[in-house]
């Protein structure tokens, strides 16, 4: 998966404390902002407007990723539809 400018990575830390689910590697020079999940969750609890906006943006990004992944699955299924098992 490619993440472009303004993209989100490491979002599971926002919804619960847990183990990282992925890793990333940059192929070009990038600028990254690292935020500790617990600190961000605590800040969202203190500032509900911030939390609302952050979760809204995160849900939009995740929705787009799920839609793209679903499209890729359908492409693979369509390519294999006429092939014998």
Protein backbone atom coordinates (compact mmCIF):
# COMPACT_ATOMS: atom_id res chain seq x y z
CA UNK A 1 0.00 0.00 0.00
CA UNK A 2 1.19 3.50 -0.75
CA UNK A 3 0.46 6.34 1.62
CA UNK A 4 0.54 9.78 0.07
CA UNK A 5 0.87 13.28 1.48
CA UNK A 6 -1.30 13.76 4.56
CA UNK A 7 -1.83 10.00 4.85
CA UNK A 8 -2.42 8.17 8.11
CA UNK A 9 -0.26 5.34 9.39
CA UNK A 10 -0.36 3.54 12.72
CA UNK A 11 -3.98 4.43 13.42
CA UNK A 12 -4.68 1.38 15.67
CA UNK A 13 -2.86 3.20 18.49
CA UNK A 14 -5.65 5.76 18.42
CA UNK A 15 -8.44 3.28 19.07
CA UNK A 16 -6.78 1.00 21.61
CA UNK A 17 -3.49 0.23 23.25
CA UNK A 18 -1.90 -2.68 21.47
CA UNK A 19 0.81 -4.07 19.31
CA UNK A 20 1.77 -2.39 16.06
CA UNK A 21 -0.01 -4.07 13.16
CA UNK A 22 2.25 -2.92 10.33
CA UNK A 23 5.52 -1.32 9.40
CA UNK A 24 6.50 1.20 6.76
CA UNK A 25 9.44 2.13 4.59
CA UNK A 26 9.87 5.41 2.74
CA UNK A 27 11.22 5.35 -0.81
CA UNK A 28 11.63 9.14 -0.91
CA UNK A 29 12.47 11.76 1.67
CA UNK A 30 9.52 12.24 4.01
CA UNK A 31 8.50 14.29 7.00
CA UNK A 32 6.79 12.25 9.71
CA UNK A 33 4.99 13.28 12.86
CA UNK A 34 5.13 10.65 15.60
CA UNK A 35 2.55 10.84 18.37
CA UNK A 36 2.25 8.40 21.25
CA UNK A 37 -1.15 6.67 21.10
CA UNK A 38 -1.93 7.01 24.80
CA UNK A 39 -1.08 10.71 24.82
CA UNK A 40 -3.29 11.31 21.80
CA UNK A 41 -6.20 9.33 23.27
CA UNK A 42 -5.87 11.30 26.51
CA UNK A 43 -5.83 14.59 24.59
CA UNK A 44 -8.94 13.59 22.65
CA UNK A 45 -10.70 12.79 25.93
CA UNK A 46 -9.84 16.28 27.21
CA UNK A 47 -10.76 18.08 23.99
CA UNK A 48 -13.88 16.47 22.58
CA UNK A 49 -13.91 18.66 19.46
CA UNK A 50 -10.38 17.51 18.64
CA UNK A 51 -11.42 13.90 19.22
CA UNK A 52 -14.46 14.27 16.99
CA UNK A 53 -12.47 15.78 14.13
CA UNK A 54 -9.66 13.26 14.47
CA UNK A 55 -11.99 10.27 14.51
CA UNK A 56 -13.96 11.71 11.57
CA UNK A 57 -10.78 12.04 9.50
CA UNK A 58 -9.58 8.61 10.56
CA UNK A 59 -12.89 6.99 9.63
CA UNK A 60 -12.82 8.66 6.20
CA UNK A 61 -9.27 7.41 5.58
CA UNK A 62 -10.13 3.88 6.70
CA UNK A 63 -13.29 3.83 4.62
CA UNK A 64 -11.31 4.77 1.52
CA UNK A 65 -8.77 2.03 2.23
CA UNK A 66 -11.47 -0.60 2.74
CA UNK A 67 -13.19 0.41 -0.47
CA UNK A 68 -9.91 0.18 -2.38
CA UNK A 69 -9.11 -3.21 -0.85
CA UNK A 70 -12.60 -4.48 -1.70
CA UNK A 71 -12.12 -3.36 -5.29
CA UNK A 72 -8.85 -5.27 -5.49
CA UNK A 73 -10.51 -8.43 -4.16
CA UNK A 74 -13.26 -8.16 -6.79
CA UNK A 75 -10.63 -7.70 -9.52
CA UNK A 76 -8.86 -10.89 -8.44
CA UNK A 77 -12.15 -12.79 -8.27
CA UNK A 78 -13.15 -11.55 -11.71
CA UNK A 79 -9.79 -12.60 -13.17
CA UNK A 80 -10.23 -16.11 -11.77
CA UNK A 81 -13.95 -16.47 -12.50
CA UNK A 82 -13.53 -18.34 -15.80
CA UNK A 83 -10.69 -20.60 -14.69
CA UNK A 84 -11.29 -24.22 -13.71
CA UNK A 85 -10.62 -25.06 -10.04
